[in-house]
C-alpha atoms as a PDB file:
ATOM      1  CA  MET A   1     139.339  29.466  91.314  1.00  0.00           C
ATOM      2  CA  SER A   2     137.997  26.150  91.285  1.00  0.00           C
ATOM      3  CA  LEU A   3     139.859  23.228  93.209  1.00  0.00           C
ATOM      4  CA  VAL A   4     142.173  21.415  91.264  1.00  0.00           C
ATOM      5  CA  SER A   5     143.262  17.889  91.729  1.00  0.00           C
ATOM      6  CA  THR A   6     146.499  16.901  94.408  1.00  0.00           C
ATOM      7  CA  GLY A   7     147.380  14.482  91.488  1.00  0.00           C
ATOM      8  CA  GLU A   8     147.363  16.819  88.659  1.00  0.00           C
ATOM      9  CA  LEU A   9     149.679  19.225  90.939  1.00  0.00           C
ATOM     10  CA  VAL A  10     152.245  16.504  91.750  1.00  0.00           C
ATOM     11  CA  ALA A  11     152.334  14.946  88.344  1.00  0.00           C
ATOM     12  CA  GLU A  12     153.032  18.334  86.809  1.00  0.00           C
ATOM     13  CA  ALA A  13     155.877  19.222  89.537  1.00  0.00           C
ATOM     14  CA  ARG A  14     157.627  15.972  88.824  1.00  0.00           C
ATOM     15  CA  ASP A  15     157.342  16.306  85.108  1.00  0.00           C
ATOM     16  CA  ALA A  16     159.393  19.629  85.564  1.00  0.00           C
ATOM     17  CA  GLY A  17     161.709  18.473  88.038  1.00  0.00           C
ATOM     18  CA  HIS A  18     160.396  20.461  90.728  1.00  0.00           C
ATOM     19  CA  GLY A  19     158.656  20.181  94.065  1.00  0.00           C
ATOM     20  CA  VAL A  20     155.168  21.041  95.261  1.00  0.00           C
ATOM     21  CA  ALA A  21     154.515  22.049  98.939  1.00  0.00           C
ATOM     22  CA  ALA A  22     151.678  20.741 100.961  1.00  0.00           C
ATOM     23  CA  PHE A  23     150.719  22.946 104.172  1.00  0.00           C
ATOM     24  CA  ASN A  24     149.017  21.573 107.200  1.00  0.00           C
ATOM     25  CA  VAL A  25     145.489  23.141 107.770  1.00  0.00           C
ATOM     26  CA  ILE A  26     144.579  23.408 111.385  1.00  0.00           C
ATOM     27  CA  THR A  27     142.411  26.554 111.347  1.00  0.00           C
ATOM     28  CA  LEU A  28     140.778  28.977 108.924  1.00  0.00           C
ATOM     29  CA  GLU A  29     143.509  31.317 109.185  1.00  0.00           C
ATOM     30  CA  HIS A  30     146.283  28.389 108.277  1.00  0.00           C
ATOM     31  CA  ALA A  31     144.013  28.067 104.925  1.00  0.00           C
ATOM     32  CA  GLU A  32     143.795  31.635 104.279  1.00  0.00           C
ATOM     33  CA  ALA A  33     147.453  32.325 104.671  1.00  0.00           C
ATOM     34  CA  VAL A  34     148.546  29.226 102.334  1.00  0.00           C
ATOM     35  CA  ALA A  35     146.077  30.853  99.711  1.00  0.00           C
ATOM     36  CA  LEU A  36     147.894  34.118 100.156  1.00  0.00           C
ATOM     37  CA  GLY A  37     151.366  32.796 100.369  1.00  0.00           C
ATOM     38  CA  ALA A  38     150.971  30.398  97.248  1.00  0.00           C
ATOM     39  CA  GLU A  39     149.134  33.879  95.493  1.00  0.00           C
ATOM     40  CA  ARG A  40     152.426  35.849  96.226  1.00  0.00           C
ATOM     41  CA  ALA A  41     154.724  33.303  94.680  1.00  0.00           C
ATOM     42  CA  GLY A  42     152.480  32.451  91.880  1.00  0.00           C
ATOM     43  CA  LEU A  43     152.654  29.028  92.350  1.00  0.00           C
ATOM     44  CA  PRO A  44     150.303  26.142  93.160  1.00  0.00           C
ATOM     45  CA  ALA A  45     149.992  24.471  96.494  1.00  0.00           C
ATOM     46  CA  ILE A  46     148.424  21.877  98.723  1.00  0.00           C
ATOM     47  CA  LEU A  47     146.231  22.268 101.543  1.00  0.00           C
ATOM     48  CA  GLN A  48     146.412  19.156 103.765  1.00  0.00           C
ATOM     49  CA  ILE A  49     144.272  18.315 106.731  1.00  0.00           C
ATOM     50  CA  SER A  50     145.485  15.907 109.101  1.00  0.00           C
ATOM     51  CA  GLU A  51     143.661  13.448 111.053  1.00  0.00           C
ATOM     52  CA  ASN A  52     145.100  15.105 114.247  1.00  0.00           C
ATOM     53  CA  ALA A  53     143.363  18.286 113.175  1.00  0.00           C
ATOM     54  CA  VAL A  54     140.214  16.700 112.830  1.00  0.00           C
ATOM     55  CA  ARG A  55     140.122  15.410 116.129  1.00  0.00           C
ATOM     56  CA  PHE A  56     141.184  18.991 117.146  1.00  0.00           C
ATOM     57  CA  HIS A  57     137.399  19.960 115.694  1.00  0.00           C
ATOM     58  CA  GLY A  58     135.729  17.454 117.751  1.00  0.00           C
ATOM     59  CA  GLY A  59     136.599  14.853 115.130  1.00  0.00           C
ATOM     60  CA  ARG A  60     134.163  16.699 112.865  1.00  0.00           C
ATOM     61  CA  LEU A  61     135.737  16.665 109.055  1.00  0.00           C
ATOM     62  CA  ALA A  62     133.040  18.671 107.459  1.00  0.00           C
ATOM     63  CA  PRO A  63     133.437  22.136 108.683  1.00  0.00           C
ATOM     64  CA  ILE A  64     137.252  22.696 108.392  1.00  0.00           C
ATOM     65  CA  ALA A  65     136.876  20.880 104.860  1.00  0.00           C
ATOM     66  CA  ALA A  66     134.028  22.856 103.945  1.00  0.00           C
ATOM     67  CA  ALA A  67     136.217  25.926 105.065  1.00  0.00           C
ATOM     68  CA  SER A  68     139.230  25.350 103.359  1.00  0.00           C
ATOM     69  CA  ALA A  69     137.667  24.427 100.135  1.00  0.00           C
ATOM     70  CA  ALA A  70     135.905  27.961 100.158  1.00  0.00           C
ATOM     71  CA  VAL A  71     139.141  29.407 100.644  1.00  0.00           C
ATOM     72  CA  ALA A  72     140.659  27.446  97.497  1.00  0.00           C
ATOM     73  CA  ARG A  73     137.903  28.463  95.203  1.00  0.00           C
ATOM     74  CA  ALA A  74     138.100  31.900  96.645  1.00  0.00           C
ATOM     75  CA  SER A  75     142.020  32.073  95.296  1.00  0.00           C
ATOM     76  CA  THR A  76     143.932  32.968  92.496  1.00  0.00           C
ATOM     77  CA  ALA A  77     146.271  30.368  93.356  1.00  0.00           C
ATOM     78  CA  ARG A  78     145.939  27.023  92.087  1.00  0.00           C
ATOM     79  CA  LEU A  79     145.136  24.942  95.300  1.00  0.00           C
ATOM     80  CA  SER A  80     144.158  21.199  95.878  1.00  0.00           C
ATOM     81  CA  LEU A  81     142.554  19.361  99.411  1.00  0.00           C
ATOM     82  CA  HIS A  82     144.284  16.211 100.566  1.00  0.00           C
ATOM     83  CA  LEU A  83     143.626  14.665 103.975  1.00  0.00           C
ATOM     84  CA  ASP A  84     146.632  13.932 105.388  1.00  0.00           C
ATOM     85  CA  HIS A  85     147.974  10.793 107.794  1.00  0.00           C
ATOM     86  CA  VAL A  86     144.589   8.869 108.161  1.00  0.00           C
ATOM     87  CA  THR A  87     144.590   5.804 109.963  1.00  0.00           C
ATOM     88  CA  ASP A  88     140.933   5.804 110.739  1.00  0.00           C
ATOM     89  CA  VAL A  89     138.969   3.835 108.003  1.00  0.00           C
ATOM     90  CA  ASP A  90     135.733   5.899 108.228  1.00  0.00           C
ATOM     91  CA  LEU A  91     137.859   8.973 108.283  1.00  0.00           C
ATOM     92  CA  LEU A  92     139.039   7.691 104.895  1.00  0.00           C
ATOM     93  CA  ARG A  93     135.524   7.036 103.610  1.00  0.00           C
ATOM     94  CA  ALA A  94     134.250  10.579 104.501  1.00  0.00           C
ATOM     95  CA  SER A  95     137.158  12.159 102.401  1.00  0.00           C
ATOM     96  CA  HIS A  96     135.117  11.575  99.206  1.00  0.00           C
ATOM     97  CA  ALA A  97     132.139  13.373 100.306  1.00  0.00           C
ATOM     98  CA  GLU A  98     134.014  16.437 101.539  1.00  0.00           C
ATOM     99  CA  GLY A  99     135.620  16.881  98.123  1.00  0.00           C
ATOM    100  CA  PHE A 100     139.087  15.505  98.970  1.00  0.00           C
ATOM    101  CA  SER A 101     140.941  14.695  95.737  1.00  0.00           C
ATOM    102  CA  SER A 102     143.814  12.867  97.569  1.00  0.00           C
ATOM    103  CA  VAL A 103     144.447  10.887 101.097  1.00  0.00           C
ATOM    104  CA  MET A 104     147.602   9.944 102.780  1.00  0.00           C
ATOM    105  CA  PHE A 105     146.868   6.719 104.231  1.00  0.00           C
ATOM    106  CA  ASP A 106     149.015   5.704 107.143  1.00  0.00           C
ATOM    107  CA  ALA A 107     149.603   2.057 107.996  1.00  0.00           C
ATOM    108  CA  SER A 108     153.252   2.635 108.610  1.00  0.00           C
ATOM    109  CA  LYS A 109     152.827   1.409 112.323  1.00  0.00           C
ATOM    110  CA  LEU A 110     151.474  -2.063 111.135  1.00  0.00           C
ATOM    111  CA  THR A 111     153.703  -4.658 110.150  1.00  0.00           C
ATOM    112  CA  TYR A 112     155.149  -4.688 106.535  1.00  0.00           C
ATOM    113  CA  ASP A 113     152.743  -7.543 105.367  1.00  0.00           C
ATOM    114  CA  GLU A 114     149.754  -5.685 107.379  1.00  0.00           C
ATOM    115  CA  ASN A 115     150.703  -2.482 106.202  1.00  0.00           C
ATOM    116  CA  VAL A 116     150.367  -3.929 102.499  1.00  0.00           C
ATOM    117  CA  LYS A 117     147.164  -5.304 102.759  1.00  0.00           C
ATOM    118  CA  THR A 118     145.410  -2.536 104.576  1.00  0.00           C
ATOM    119  CA  THR A 119     146.644  -0.190 102.680  1.00  0.00           C
ATOM    120  CA  ALA A 120     146.177  -2.241  99.262  1.00  0.00           C
ATOM    121  CA  ASP A 121     142.652  -2.012 100.456  1.00  0.00           C
ATOM    122  CA  ALA A 122     142.557   2.004 100.578  1.00  0.00           C
ATOM    123  CA  VAL A 123     143.750   2.412  97.695  1.00  0.00           C
ATOM    124  CA  ARG A 124     141.340   0.011  95.716  1.00  0.00           C
ATOM    125  CA  TRP A 125     138.551   2.079  97.575  1.00  0.00           C
ATOM    126  CA  GLY A 126     140.227   5.304  96.477  1.00  0.00           C
ATOM    127  CA  HIS A 127     140.768   4.541  93.054  1.00  0.00           C
ATOM    128  CA  GLU A 128     137.091   3.335  92.511  1.00  0.00           C
ATOM    129  CA  ARG A 129     136.302   7.577  93.514  1.00  0.00           C
ATOM    130  CA  GLY A 130     138.815   8.761  91.560  1.00  0.00           C
ATOM    131  CA  ILE A 131     140.997   9.621  94.758  1.00  0.00           C
ATOM    132  CA  TRP A 132     144.535   9.668  94.565  1.00  0.00           C
ATOM    133  CA  VAL A 133     146.553   7.692  97.362  1.00  0.00           C
ATOM    134  CA  GLU A 134     149.709   8.073  99.087  1.00  0.00           C
ATOM    135  CA  ALA A 135     151.054   6.020 101.757  1.00  0.00           C
ATOM    136  CA  GLU A 136     154.393   5.681 103.979  1.00  0.00           C
ATOM    137  CA  LEU A 137     156.971   3.137 104.213  1.00  0.00           C
ATOM    138  CA  GLY A 138     159.873   3.306 106.843  1.00  0.00           C
ATOM    139  CA  ARG A 139     159.559   5.529 110.343  1.00  0.00           C
ATOM    140  CA  VAL A 140     159.150   9.110 109.900  1.00  0.00           C
ATOM    141  CA  GLY A 141     159.254   9.824 113.792  1.00  0.00           C
ATOM    142  CA  GLY A 142     157.729  12.871 115.577  1.00  0.00           C
ATOM    143  CA  LYS A 143     154.091  12.615 115.279  1.00  0.00           C
ATOM    144  CA  GLU A 144     152.029  13.439 118.272  1.00  0.00           C
ATOM    145  CA  GLY A 145     151.464  10.669 120.532  1.00  0.00           C
ATOM    146  CA  GLU A 146     154.741   9.032 119.500  1.00  0.00           C
ATOM    147  CA  ALA A 147     158.187   8.553 121.566  1.00  0.00           C
ATOM    148  CA  PRO A 148     161.161  10.491 120.181  1.00  0.00           C
ATOM    149  CA  LEU A 149     162.719   8.799 117.247  1.00  0.00           C
ATOM    150  CA  ASP A 150     166.314   8.988 115.949  1.00  0.00           C
ATOM    151  CA  ALA A 151     165.773   9.547 112.154  1.00  0.00           C
ATOM    152  CA  HIS A 152     169.328   8.054 112.084  1.00  0.00           C
ATOM    153  CA  ALA A 153     168.862   4.807 113.879  1.00  0.00           C
ATOM    154  CA  PRO A 154     169.055   1.425 112.225  1.00  0.00           C
ATOM    155  CA  GLY A 155     166.106   0.617 110.808  1.00  0.00           C
ATOM    156  CA  VAL A 156     164.386   3.948 110.532  1.00  0.00           C
ATOM    157  CA  ARG A 157     165.210   4.409 106.906  1.00  0.00           C
ATOM    158  CA  THR A 158     163.093   3.077 104.082  1.00  0.00           C
ATOM    159  CA  ASP A 159     164.709   0.810 101.868  1.00  0.00           C
ATOM    160  CA  PRO A 160     164.957   0.737  98.145  1.00  0.00           C
ATOM    161  CA  ALA A 161     163.914  -3.070  97.459  1.00  0.00           C
ATOM    162  CA  GLU A 162     161.371  -2.987  99.797  1.00  0.00           C
ATOM    163  CA  ALA A 163     159.766   0.277  98.602  1.00  0.00           C
ATOM    164  CA  ALA A 164     159.820  -1.124  94.950  1.00  0.00           C
ATOM    165  CA  ALA A 165     157.706  -3.885  96.216  1.00  0.00           C
ATOM    166  CA  TYR A 166     155.474  -2.110  98.522  1.00  0.00           C
ATOM    167  CA  VAL A 167     154.419   0.076  95.776  1.00  0.00           C
ATOM    168  CA  ALA A 168     153.630  -3.182  93.577  1.00  0.00           C
ATOM    169  CA  GLY A 169     151.670  -4.774  95.839  1.00  0.00           C
ATOM    170  CA  THR A 170     149.664  -1.299  97.128  1.00  0.00           C
ATOM    171  CA  GLY A 171     148.860   0.314  93.912  1.00  0.00           C
ATOM    172  CA  VAL A 172     149.900   3.588  95.906  1.00  0.00           C
ATOM    173  CA  ASP A 173     150.175   6.916  93.645  1.00  0.00           C
ATOM    174  CA  ALA A 174     152.735   8.558  96.017  1.00  0.00           C
ATOM    175  CA  LEU A 175     155.067   7.168  98.837  1.00  0.00           C
ATOM    176  CA  ALA A 176     156.408   9.120 101.769  1.00  0.00           C
ATOM    177  CA  VAL A 177     159.778   7.895 103.066  1.00  0.00           C
ATOM    178  CA  ALA A 178     162.131   8.031 105.835  1.00  0.00           C
ATOM    179  CA  VAL A 179     165.352   9.777 104.931  1.00  0.00           C
ATOM    180  CA  GLY A 180     166.499  11.513 107.744  1.00  0.00           C
ATOM    181  CA  SER A 181     163.397  14.288 108.598  1.00  0.00           C
ATOM    182  CA  SER A 182     161.381  13.665 111.163  1.00  0.00           C
ATOM    183  CA  HIS A 183     157.706  15.658 112.189  1.00  0.00           C
ATOM    184  CA  ALA A 184     157.414  18.508 114.546  1.00  0.00           C
ATOM    185  CA  MET A 185     160.876  19.819 114.505  1.00  0.00           C
ATOM    186  CA  THR A 186     160.787  23.393 115.540  1.00  0.00           C
ATOM    187  CA  GLU A 187     164.810  23.786 114.483  1.00  0.00           C
ATOM    188  CA  ARG A 188     165.744  23.411 110.747  1.00  0.00           C
ATOM    189  CA  THR A 189     168.794  20.840 111.650  1.00  0.00           C
ATOM    190  CA  ALA A 190     167.527  17.653 109.920  1.00  0.00           C
ATOM    191  CA  ALA A 191     170.522  16.082 107.558  1.00  0.00           C
ATOM    192  CA  LEU A 192     168.808  14.065 104.651  1.00  0.00           C
ATOM    193  CA  ASP A 193     170.252  11.141 103.052  1.00  0.00           C
ATOM    194  CA  HIS A 194     170.649  12.198  99.717  1.00  0.00           C
ATOM    195  CA  GLU A 195     172.367   9.115  98.008  1.00  0.00           C
ATOM    196  CA  LEU A 196     169.219   7.511  99.512  1.00  0.00           C
ATOM    197  CA  ILE A 197     166.433   9.713  97.945  1.00  0.00           C
ATOM    198  CA  GLY A 198     168.280   9.058  94.430  1.00  0.00           C
ATOM    199  CA  SER A 199     168.103   5.229  95.217  1.00  0.00           C
ATOM    200  CA  LEU A 200     164.343   5.217  95.934  1.00  0.00           C
ATOM    201  CA  ALA A 201     163.403   7.633  93.188  1.00  0.00           C
ATOM    202  CA  ALA A 202     165.147   5.051  90.774  1.00  0.00           C
ATOM    203  CA  ALA A 203     163.688   2.155  92.576  1.00  0.00           C
ATOM    204  CA  VAL A 204     159.910   2.836  92.416  1.00  0.00           C
ATOM    205  CA  PRO A 205     157.751   4.390  89.730  1.00  0.00           C
ATOM    206  CA  VAL A 206     155.699   7.247  91.836  1.00  0.00           C
ATOM    207  CA  PRO A 207     156.407  10.456  93.132  1.00  0.00           C
ATOM    208  CA  LEU A 208     158.239  10.554  96.609  1.00  0.00           C
ATOM    209  CA  VAL A 209     157.073  12.626  99.419  1.00  0.00           C
ATOM    210  CA  LEU A 210     159.032  13.790 102.253  1.00  0.00           C
ATOM    211  CA  HIS A 211     157.069  14.377 105.524  1.00  0.00           C
ATOM    212  CA  GLY A 212     158.581  16.766 108.461  1.00  0.00           C
ATOM    213  CA  SER A 213     160.386  19.163 106.284  1.00  0.00           C
ATOM    214  CA  SER A 214     159.811  22.277 108.707  1.00  0.00           C
ATOM    215  CA  GLY A 215     163.051  20.813 109.915  1.00  0.00           C
ATOM    216  CA  VAL A 216     164.630  20.529 106.985  1.00  0.00           C
ATOM    217  CA  PRO A 217     167.132  23.602 105.853  1.00  0.00           C
ATOM    218  CA  ASP A 218     166.671  25.248 102.704  1.00  0.00           C
ATOM    219  CA  GLU A 219     169.664  23.631 100.800  1.00  0.00           C
ATOM    220  CA  GLU A 220     168.645  20.194 101.968  1.00  0.00           C
ATOM    221  CA  ILE A 221     165.097  20.683 100.445  1.00  0.00           C
ATOM    222  CA  ARG A 222     166.290  22.245  97.155  1.00  0.00           C
ATOM    223  CA  ARG A 223     169.167  19.318  97.292  1.00  0.00           C
ATOM    224  CA  ALA A 224     166.327  16.418  98.016  1.00  0.00           C
ATOM    225  CA  ILE A 225     164.208  17.639  94.789  1.00  0.00           C
ATOM    226  CA  ALA A 226     167.100  17.621  92.565  1.00  0.00           C
ATOM    227  CA  ALA A 227     167.714  13.939  93.939  1.00  0.00           C
ATOM    228  CA  GLY A 228     163.960  12.985  93.442  1.00  0.00           C
ATOM    229  CA  MET A 229     161.844  14.392  96.017  1.00  0.00           C
ATOM    230  CA  VAL A 230     158.345  15.783  94.599  1.00  0.00           C
ATOM    231  CA  LYS A 231     155.638  16.257  97.520  1.00  0.00           C
ATOM    232  CA  ILE A 232     157.208  18.475 100.154  1.00  0.00           C
ATOM    233  CA  ASN A 233     154.866  18.244 103.741  1.00  0.00           C
ATOM    234  CA  VAL A 234     155.139  21.409 105.843  1.00  0.00           C
ATOM    235  CA  GLY A 235     153.387  21.890 109.128  1.00  0.00           C
ATOM    236  CA  THR A 236     155.351  22.737 112.151  1.00  0.00           C
ATOM    237  CA  ALA A 237     156.992  25.982 110.430  1.00  0.00           C
ATOM    238  CA  LEU A 238     153.481  27.366 110.368  1.00  0.00           C
ATOM    239  CA  ASN A 239     152.830  26.898 113.753  1.00  0.00           C
ATOM    240  CA  THR A 240     155.986  28.462 114.587  1.00  0.00           C
ATOM    241  CA  ALA A 241     155.157  31.693 112.628  1.00  0.00           C
ATOM    242  CA  PHE A 242     151.580  31.691 114.038  1.00  0.00           C
ATOM    243  CA  THR A 243     152.523  31.023 117.900  1.00  0.00           C
ATOM    244  CA  GLY A 244     155.695  33.675 117.667  1.00  0.00           C
ATOM    245  CA  GLU A 245     153.367  36.432 116.522  1.00  0.00           C
ATOM    246  CA  VAL A 246     150.330  35.702 118.967  1.00  0.00           C
ATOM    247  CA  ARG A 247     152.888  35.205 121.924  1.00  0.00           C
ATOM    248  CA  GLY A 248     154.329  38.647 120.975  1.00  0.00           C
ATOM    249  CA  TYR A 249     151.223  40.554 120.535  1.00  0.00           C
ATOM    250  CA  LEU A 250     149.764  39.295 124.076  1.00  0.00           C
ATOM    251  CA  ALA A 251     153.294  40.067 125.905  1.00  0.00           C
ATOM    252  CA  ALA A 252     153.125  43.404 124.690  1.00  0.00           C
ATOM    253  CA  HIS A 253     149.263  44.234 124.910  1.00  0.00           C
ATOM    254  CA  THR A 254     148.614  42.529 128.507  1.00  0.00           C
ATOM    255  CA  THR A 255     144.630  43.709 128.443  1.00  0.00           C
ATOM    256  CA  GLY A 256     144.084  43.049 124.750  1.00  0.00           C
ATOM    257  CA  VAL A 257     141.010  40.815 124.374  1.00  0.00           C
ATOM    258  CA  ASP A 258     140.293  41.174 120.449  1.00  0.00           C
ATOM    259  CA  PRO A 259     141.627  37.945 118.915  1.00  0.00           C
ATOM    260  CA  ARG A 260     141.707  39.624 115.517  1.00  0.00           C
ATOM    261  CA  LYS A 261     144.228  42.032 116.596  1.00  0.00           C
ATOM    262  CA  TYR A 262     146.974  38.869 117.122  1.00  0.00           C
ATOM    263  CA  LEU A 263     145.140  36.482 114.431  1.00  0.00           C
ATOM    264  CA  ALA A 264     146.172  38.763 111.836  1.00  0.00           C
ATOM    265  CA  PRO A 265     149.601  38.969 112.085  1.00  0.00           C
ATOM    266  CA  ALA A 266     149.724  35.531 112.697  1.00  0.00           C
ATOM    267  CA  ARG A 267     147.837  34.524 109.524  1.00  0.00           C
ATOM    268  CA  GLU A 268     150.862  37.238 107.615  1.00  0.00           C
ATOM    269  CA  ALA A 269     153.430  35.503 109.247  1.00  0.00           C
ATOM    270  CA  MET A 270     152.163  32.240 107.824  1.00  0.00           C
ATOM    271  CA  ALA A 271     151.793  33.694 104.529  1.00  0.00           C
ATOM    272  CA  GLY A 272     155.314  34.681 104.643  1.00  0.00           C
ATOM    273  CA  THR A 273     156.448  31.150 105.544  1.00  0.00           C
ATOM    274  CA  VAL A 274     154.236  29.870 102.570  1.00  0.00           C
ATOM    275  CA  THR A 275     155.813  32.174 100.050  1.00  0.00           C
ATOM    276  CA  GLY A 276     159.278  31.226 101.687  1.00  0.00           C
ATOM    277  CA  PHE A 277     158.999  27.210 101.008  1.00  0.00           C
ATOM    278  CA  LEU A 278     157.233  27.582  97.538  1.00  0.00           C
ATOM    279  CA  GLY A 279     160.216  29.740  96.639  1.00  0.00           C
ATOM    280  CA  LEU A 280     162.596  26.370  97.392  1.00  0.00           C
ATOM    281  CA  LEU A 281     160.625  24.289  94.919  1.00  0.00           C
ATOM    282  CA  LYS A 282     161.859  25.508  91.492  1.00  0.00           C
END
């Protein structure tokens, strides 16, 4: 099946009152697991590659992008390719040639005015090339290299009035918001502000995105979608499943050297995680 666009998947989910999940891809096994999990669930999904993942691959976007696109085209599931948390303008501009239909441009560390200006420039560039652009307002902590951030601290969460002005000023196609989740959580203990999600959904005309969903319990995700959240980002949960299987195999087989022996169960564990998250979205 050919790649579909992220904008198409998000619009379909929003119109149906559902969510659509975006899963972080670091290795080929991640991409294969997302495709397999989506096929088993009979639901679409988004393969997203972050700037951090590109850095892990020596700063080269093309190899992991091409591999992920090839997996998507070979799958029976409807899958799209998304570039996540981009701060480097050169990487943003490389996305078009590598077949990405969407980009999350992250200027959230800048001042509000600088965020608006920089993001508006990215949106103009993307829209000229048919690229759907997501951005972030508020502070969703937990990103690699950042100091720990309390998701409930004053000033962290996204303000609905500011969000409405931000969307109008930038022209973004979707908005990632801070509502109580955090990146890189390994335990599913996050408590979301569902009243705020509803207020944000009413305030802005574009779909809302939940980052840090790995740390959010099932029922909290369901309630978030009911309140207006659409794109649900999952990363750490895949890595937890992957690493658990690898650690278990190597502990039990101390002389083993064939990576296929532990990568196969690790990929299967990630596929199970994908299917589980997709089951929450309708």
